[in-house]
Amino acid sequence: MVLHSADLRDALMRCERRVWDALLHGDAAADAAALCDSFLGVYSDGFADKSAHVGQLSAGSTLMRYHLSEAQARPLGGDFGLLSYRAEFLRLGRAQLETMYVTSIWQRRDVERDACADSGWVNIFSQDTAAV
């Protein structure tokens, strides 16, 4: 089933917020549940796999707060969706708010067949671009 852009955007933003909430609350299990085993993150300091993304939470929360806006979604076929948005956030222990643009790709999975994510969507790719 292909969702219309607004429905796809809303569904993927709920999923994306789960990842941000995991970073906010230091919830490694929630972060792991949202990412597929072959997850790839592309960041200013290099590439990250699922274990690196989840591993950043080994000492707990990494964020003090965040705000997501300007979300746009594009279907990439029946079981894939692309989400792009603006993120403003404050890292734990920092005084300066940061802004970046994020694009992530989510894949819809059969929840009964694949327990990777209870929402039916799993994050397979994410790329962050620092705002200038």
N, C-alpha and C. Protein backbone atom coordinates (compact mmCIF):
# COMPACT_ATOMS: atom_id res chain seq x y z
N MET A 1 0.84 -1.17 0.00
CA MET A 1 0.00 0.00 0.00
C MET A 1 0.90 1.24 0.00
N VAL A 2 0.69 2.14 -0.94
CA VAL A 2 1.44 3.39 -1.02
C VAL A 2 0.63 4.47 -0.30
N LEU A 3 1.25 5.14 0.64
CA LEU A 3 0.58 6.22 1.37
C LEU A 3 0.72 7.53 0.59
N HIS A 4 -0.26 8.40 0.71
CA HIS A 4 -0.15 9.74 0.15
C HIS A 4 0.93 10.50 0.90
N SER A 5 1.50 11.52 0.29
CA SER A 5 2.64 12.24 0.86
C SER A 5 2.40 12.72 2.30
N ALA A 6 1.25 13.31 2.57
CA ALA A 6 0.98 13.81 3.93
C ALA A 6 0.89 12.65 4.92
N ASP A 7 0.23 11.56 4.54
CA ASP A 7 0.14 10.40 5.42
C ASP A 7 1.51 9.76 5.62
N LEU A 8 2.29 9.67 4.55
CA LEU A 8 3.64 9.12 4.64
C LEU A 8 4.51 9.99 5.54
N ARG A 9 4.44 11.31 5.34
CA ARG A 9 5.20 12.24 6.17
C ARG A 9 4.85 12.06 7.65
N ASP A 10 3.57 12.00 7.96
CA ASP A 10 3.14 11.86 9.35
C ASP A 10 3.62 10.54 9.96
N ALA A 11 3.50 9.46 9.20
CA ALA A 11 3.94 8.15 9.68
C ALA A 11 5.44 8.13 9.91
N LEU A 12 6.21 8.66 8.98
CA LEU A 12 7.66 8.64 9.12
C LEU A 12 8.15 9.61 10.19
N MET A 13 7.46 10.73 10.37
CA MET A 13 7.85 11.65 11.44
C MET A 13 7.62 11.01 12.81
N ARG A 14 6.56 10.22 12.96
CA ARG A 14 6.37 9.50 14.23
C ARG A 14 7.55 8.57 14.48
N CYS A 15 7.97 7.88 13.44
CA CYS A 15 9.11 6.96 13.56
C CYS A 15 10.40 7.73 13.86
N GLU A 16 10.61 8.82 13.16
CA GLU A 16 11.82 9.62 13.34
C GLU A 16 11.88 10.19 14.76
N ARG A 17 10.75 10.61 15.28
CA ARG A 17 10.73 11.13 16.65
C ARG A 17 11.10 10.05 17.67
N ARG A 18 10.80 8.79 17.36
CA ARG A 18 11.21 7.70 18.26
C ARG A 18 12.73 7.65 18.38
N VAL A 19 13.42 7.88 17.26
CA VAL A 19 14.88 7.88 17.29
C VAL A 19 15.38 9.07 18.12
N TRP A 20 14.84 10.25 17.86
CA TRP A 20 15.24 11.45 18.61
C TRP A 20 14.89 11.30 20.09
N ASP A 21 13.72 10.73 20.39
CA ASP A 21 13.34 10.52 21.79
C ASP A 21 14.30 9.54 22.47
N ALA A 22 14.76 8.53 21.74
CA ALA A 22 15.75 7.59 22.29
C ALA A 22 17.04 8.32 22.65
N LEU A 23 17.47 9.26 21.79
CA LEU A 23 18.66 10.05 22.08
C LEU A 23 18.43 10.97 23.28
N LEU A 24 17.24 11.52 23.38
CA LEU A 24 16.89 12.43 24.47
C LEU A 24 16.84 11.70 25.81
N HIS A 25 16.33 10.48 25.81
CA HIS A 25 16.13 9.74 27.06
C HIS A 25 17.21 8.69 27.32
N GLY A 26 18.17 8.57 26.41
CA GLY A 26 19.23 7.58 26.59
C GLY A 26 18.74 6.15 26.48
N ASP A 27 17.74 5.92 25.63
CA ASP A 27 17.09 4.62 25.50
C ASP A 27 17.69 3.83 24.32
N ALA A 28 18.75 3.08 24.60
CA ALA A 28 19.43 2.32 23.55
C ALA A 28 18.52 1.25 22.93
N ALA A 29 17.67 0.65 23.72
CA ALA A 29 16.77 -0.39 23.20
C ALA A 29 15.79 0.20 22.18
N ALA A 30 15.25 1.37 22.46
CA ALA A 30 14.33 2.03 21.52
C ALA A 30 15.06 2.43 20.25
N ASP A 31 16.29 2.92 20.39
CA ASP A 31 17.09 3.28 19.23
C ASP A 31 17.34 2.04 18.38
N ALA A 32 17.76 0.96 18.99
CA ALA A 32 18.04 -0.29 18.27
C ALA A 32 16.80 -0.81 17.55
N ALA A 33 15.63 -0.68 18.19
CA ALA A 33 14.40 -1.19 17.60
C ALA A 33 14.01 -0.41 16.34
N ALA A 34 14.42 0.85 16.26
CA ALA A 34 14.04 1.69 15.12
C ALA A 34 14.97 1.51 13.92
N LEU A 35 16.14 0.92 14.12
CA LEU A 35 17.14 0.79 13.05
C LEU A 35 17.24 -0.65 12.58
N CYS A 36 17.35 -0.84 11.26
CA CYS A 36 17.54 -2.19 10.76
C CYS A 36 18.99 -2.62 11.00
N ASP A 37 19.25 -3.90 10.93
CA ASP A 37 20.59 -4.41 11.22
C ASP A 37 21.65 -3.86 10.27
N SER A 38 21.25 -3.55 9.04
CA SER A 38 22.21 -3.04 8.05
C SER A 38 22.17 -1.51 7.93
N PHE A 39 21.66 -0.82 8.95
CA PHE A 39 21.56 0.64 8.96
C PHE A 39 22.89 1.28 8.58
N LEU A 40 22.80 2.37 7.79
CA LEU A 40 23.97 3.19 7.44
C LEU A 40 23.65 4.64 7.74
N GLY A 41 24.49 5.26 8.55
CA GLY A 41 24.40 6.69 8.81
C GLY A 41 25.58 7.39 8.16
N VAL A 42 25.32 8.54 7.54
CA VAL A 42 26.37 9.34 6.91
C VAL A 42 26.39 10.68 7.62
N TYR A 43 27.51 10.95 8.29
CA TYR A 43 27.62 12.12 9.13
C TYR A 43 28.89 12.91 8.80
N SER A 44 29.02 14.09 9.35
CA SER A 44 30.18 14.93 9.05
C SER A 44 31.49 14.27 9.48
N ASP A 45 31.43 13.36 10.45
CA ASP A 45 32.65 12.69 10.91
C ASP A 45 32.81 11.28 10.34
N GLY A 46 31.96 10.91 9.37
CA GLY A 46 32.12 9.61 8.71
C GLY A 46 30.85 8.78 8.71
N PHE A 47 31.04 7.49 8.50
CA PHE A 47 29.95 6.53 8.42
C PHE A 47 29.71 5.88 9.78
N ALA A 48 28.46 5.48 10.00
CA ALA A 48 28.13 4.75 11.24
C ALA A 48 27.17 3.62 10.90
N ASP A 49 27.39 2.48 11.53
CA ASP A 49 26.45 1.37 11.38
C ASP A 49 25.52 1.38 12.60
N LYS A 50 24.68 0.38 12.68
CA LYS A 50 23.70 0.32 13.77
C LYS A 50 24.38 0.29 15.13
N SER A 51 25.43 -0.50 15.27
CA SER A 51 26.07 -0.61 16.58
C SER A 51 26.69 0.72 17.01
N ALA A 52 27.23 1.49 16.07
CA ALA A 52 27.79 2.80 16.41
C ALA A 52 26.69 3.78 16.82
N HIS A 53 25.57 3.74 16.09
CA HIS A 53 24.46 4.65 16.42
C HIS A 53 23.91 4.34 17.80
N VAL A 54 23.68 3.07 18.07
CA VAL A 54 23.15 2.67 19.37
C VAL A 54 24.21 2.87 20.45
N GLY A 55 25.46 2.64 20.11
CA GLY A 55 26.55 2.74 21.07
C GLY A 55 26.74 4.12 21.65
N GLN A 56 26.32 5.15 20.92
CA GLN A 56 26.46 6.51 21.46
C GLN A 56 25.62 6.71 22.72
N LEU A 57 24.70 5.79 22.98
CA LEU A 57 23.84 5.89 24.15
C LEU A 57 24.35 5.07 25.34
N SER A 58 25.55 4.52 25.22
CA SER A 58 26.08 3.65 26.28
C SER A 58 26.22 4.39 27.62
N ALA A 59 26.42 5.70 27.56
CA ALA A 59 26.52 6.50 28.79
C ALA A 59 25.22 7.25 29.09
N GLY A 60 24.16 6.96 28.33
CA GLY A 60 22.88 7.61 28.56
C GLY A 60 22.55 8.64 27.50
N SER A 61 21.73 9.58 27.87
CA SER A 61 21.23 10.60 26.95
C SER A 61 22.35 11.39 26.29
N THR A 62 22.10 11.80 25.03
CA THR A 62 23.06 12.65 24.31
C THR A 62 22.48 14.03 24.03
N LEU A 63 21.18 14.22 24.29
CA LEU A 63 20.51 15.48 23.99
C LEU A 63 19.81 16.06 25.21
N MET A 64 19.71 17.38 25.21
CA MET A 64 18.90 18.06 26.23
C MET A 64 17.52 18.39 25.67
N ARG A 65 17.47 18.71 24.36
CA ARG A 65 16.18 18.99 23.71
C ARG A 65 16.37 18.98 22.21
N TYR A 66 15.22 18.87 21.51
CA TYR A 66 15.24 18.92 20.04
C TYR A 66 13.91 19.43 19.52
N HIS A 67 13.93 19.92 18.28
CA HIS A 67 12.72 20.35 17.58
C HIS A 67 12.89 20.00 16.11
N LEU A 68 11.91 19.31 15.54
CA LEU A 68 11.93 18.92 14.13
C LEU A 68 10.88 19.73 13.38
N SER A 69 11.23 20.21 12.17
CA SER A 69 10.30 21.03 11.39
C SER A 69 10.58 20.85 9.90
N GLU A 70 9.73 21.49 9.10
CA GLU A 70 9.88 21.54 7.64
C GLU A 70 9.94 20.15 7.00
N ALA A 71 9.21 19.20 7.55
CA ALA A 71 9.26 17.82 7.07
C ALA A 71 8.63 17.67 5.69
N GLN A 72 9.29 16.88 4.87
CA GLN A 72 8.79 16.51 3.55
C GLN A 72 9.02 15.01 3.37
N ALA A 73 8.11 14.35 2.68
CA ALA A 73 8.25 12.91 2.46
C ALA A 73 8.03 12.59 0.99
N ARG A 74 8.71 11.56 0.54
CA ARG A 74 8.57 11.07 -0.83
C ARG A 74 8.48 9.55 -0.78
N PRO A 75 7.49 8.98 -1.45
CA PRO A 75 7.47 7.51 -1.54
C PRO A 75 8.57 7.06 -2.49
N LEU A 76 9.21 5.96 -2.14
CA LEU A 76 10.25 5.37 -2.99
C LEU A 76 9.83 3.97 -3.42
N GLY A 77 8.56 3.78 -3.61
CA GLY A 77 8.01 2.46 -3.91
C GLY A 77 7.11 2.05 -2.77
N GLY A 78 6.44 0.94 -2.92
CA GLY A 78 5.44 0.52 -1.96
C GLY A 78 5.94 0.33 -0.55
N ASP A 79 7.17 -0.09 -0.37
CA ASP A 79 7.66 -0.41 0.97
C ASP A 79 8.77 0.51 1.46
N PHE A 80 9.00 1.63 0.75
CA PHE A 80 10.08 2.54 1.14
C PHE A 80 9.58 3.98 1.12
N GLY A 81 10.09 4.77 2.04
CA GLY A 81 9.77 6.19 2.07
C GLY A 81 10.99 7.00 2.46
N LEU A 82 11.10 8.19 1.88
CA LEU A 82 12.20 9.11 2.17
C LEU A 82 11.62 10.28 2.95
N LEU A 83 12.29 10.64 4.03
CA LEU A 83 11.86 11.74 4.88
C LEU A 83 13.00 12.74 4.99
N SER A 84 12.72 14.02 4.73
CA SER A 84 13.70 15.09 4.91
C SER A 84 13.09 16.14 5.83
N TYR A 85 13.92 16.69 6.72
CA TYR A 85 13.43 17.67 7.67
C TYR A 85 14.58 18.48 8.25
N ARG A 86 14.21 19.53 8.97
CA ARG A 86 15.17 20.37 9.67
C ARG A 86 15.13 19.99 11.15
N ALA A 87 16.30 19.85 11.75
CA ALA A 87 16.40 19.52 13.17
C ALA A 87 17.21 20.59 13.90
N GLU A 88 16.65 21.09 14.98
CA GLU A 88 17.36 21.99 15.88
C GLU A 88 17.47 21.25 17.20
N PHE A 89 18.67 21.23 17.77
CA PHE A 89 18.87 20.43 18.97
C PHE A 89 19.99 21.00 19.82
N LEU A 90 19.95 20.62 21.08
CA LEU A 90 20.99 21.01 22.02
C LEU A 90 21.58 19.74 22.61
N ARG A 91 22.86 19.53 22.33
CA ARG A 91 23.55 18.35 22.86
C ARG A 91 23.80 18.53 24.36
N LEU A 92 23.82 17.42 25.05
CA LEU A 92 24.13 17.40 26.47
C LEU A 92 25.52 18.00 26.69
N GLY A 93 25.62 18.93 27.63
CA GLY A 93 26.90 19.54 27.96
C GLY A 93 27.34 20.67 27.06
N ARG A 94 26.49 21.07 26.12
CA ARG A 94 26.83 22.18 25.24
C ARG A 94 25.87 23.34 25.48
N ALA A 95 26.32 24.54 25.15
CA ALA A 95 25.50 25.73 25.35
C ALA A 95 24.88 26.22 24.05
N GLN A 96 25.42 25.79 22.92
CA GLN A 96 24.99 26.30 21.61
C GLN A 96 24.02 25.33 20.92
N LEU A 97 22.89 25.88 20.49
CA LEU A 97 21.92 25.13 19.70
C LEU A 97 22.52 24.82 18.34
N GLU A 98 22.31 23.60 17.83
CA GLU A 98 22.79 23.20 16.51
C GLU A 98 21.60 22.99 15.58
N THR A 99 21.83 23.21 14.29
CA THR A 99 20.80 22.99 13.28
C THR A 99 21.38 22.14 12.16
N MET A 100 20.61 21.17 11.71
CA MET A 100 21.02 20.37 10.57
C MET A 100 19.78 19.93 9.78
N TYR A 101 20.04 19.55 8.56
CA TYR A 101 19.01 18.97 7.70
C TYR A 101 19.29 17.48 7.63
N VAL A 102 18.23 16.70 7.78
CA VAL A 102 18.35 15.25 7.84
C VAL A 102 17.50 14.64 6.74
N THR A 103 18.04 13.63 6.09
CA THR A 103 17.27 12.80 5.18
C THR A 103 17.43 11.36 5.62
N SER A 104 16.31 10.69 5.79
CA SER A 104 16.35 9.29 6.19
C SER A 104 15.45 8.47 5.27
N ILE A 105 15.82 7.23 5.10
CA ILE A 105 15.03 6.30 4.32
C ILE A 105 14.52 5.22 5.25
N TRP A 106 13.23 4.98 5.16
CA TRP A 106 12.55 3.99 6.01
C TRP A 106 11.97 2.90 5.13
N GLN A 107 12.00 1.68 5.63
CA GLN A 107 11.42 0.54 4.92
C GLN A 107 10.30 -0.05 5.77
N ARG A 108 9.16 -0.29 5.11
CA ARG A 108 8.04 -0.91 5.80
C ARG A 108 8.30 -2.41 5.87
N ARG A 109 8.14 -2.96 7.05
CA ARG A 109 8.37 -4.38 7.26
C ARG A 109 7.10 -5.03 7.79
N ASP A 110 6.98 -6.31 7.54
CA ASP A 110 5.88 -7.08 8.09
C ASP A 110 6.19 -7.31 9.56
N VAL A 111 5.44 -6.66 10.44
CA VAL A 111 5.72 -6.70 11.87
C VAL A 111 5.67 -8.12 12.41
N GLU A 112 4.75 -8.93 11.90
CA GLU A 112 4.63 -10.29 12.41
C GLU A 112 5.80 -11.15 11.95
N ARG A 113 6.38 -10.83 10.81
CA ARG A 113 7.50 -11.59 10.27
C ARG A 113 8.83 -11.05 10.77
N ASP A 114 8.89 -9.75 11.01
CA ASP A 114 10.15 -9.09 11.35
C ASP A 114 9.93 -8.19 12.55
N ALA A 115 10.46 -8.55 13.67
CA ALA A 115 10.24 -7.81 14.91
C ALA A 115 11.17 -6.61 15.05
N CYS A 116 11.76 -6.15 13.96
CA CYS A 116 12.75 -5.06 14.01
C CYS A 116 12.14 -3.77 14.55
N ALA A 117 10.90 -3.49 14.22
CA ALA A 117 10.27 -2.25 14.69
C ALA A 117 8.78 -2.47 14.85
N ASP A 118 8.25 -2.10 15.99
CA ASP A 118 6.82 -2.35 16.24
C ASP A 118 5.91 -1.48 15.40
N SER A 119 6.43 -0.43 14.79
CA SER A 119 5.60 0.45 13.97
C SER A 119 5.40 -0.09 12.56
N GLY A 120 6.17 -1.10 12.19
CA GLY A 120 6.12 -1.60 10.82
C GLY A 120 7.14 -0.92 9.93
N TRP A 121 7.76 0.16 10.38
CA TRP A 121 8.78 0.87 9.63
C TRP A 121 10.12 0.72 10.35
N VAL A 122 11.19 0.61 9.57
CA VAL A 122 12.52 0.53 10.15
C VAL A 122 13.45 1.46 9.35
N ASN A 123 14.33 2.14 10.06
CA ASN A 123 15.24 3.09 9.44
C ASN A 123 16.42 2.34 8.83
N ILE A 124 16.62 2.52 7.52
CA ILE A 124 17.73 1.83 6.86
C ILE A 124 18.88 2.76 6.50
N PHE A 125 18.62 4.08 6.46
CA PHE A 125 19.64 5.04 6.06
C PHE A 125 19.32 6.41 6.62
N SER A 126 20.37 7.15 7.01
CA SER A 126 20.19 8.54 7.45
C SER A 126 21.43 9.33 7.11
N GLN A 127 21.21 10.56 6.63
CA GLN A 127 22.32 11.46 6.34
C GLN A 127 22.01 12.83 6.93
N ASP A 128 22.98 13.38 7.66
CA ASP A 128 22.85 14.69 8.29
C ASP A 128 23.71 15.70 7.53
N THR A 129 23.16 16.90 7.32
CA THR A 129 23.90 17.99 6.71
C THR A 129 23.80 19.19 7.62
N ALA A 130 24.94 19.67 8.10
CA ALA A 130 24.94 20.83 8.98
C ALA A 130 24.42 22.05 8.25
N ALA A 131 23.56 22.82 8.91
CA ALA A 131 23.06 24.06 8.34
C ALA A 131 24.15 25.13 8.49
N VAL A 132 24.24 25.98 7.49
CA VAL A 132 25.24 27.05 7.56
C VAL A 132 24.57 28.40 7.67
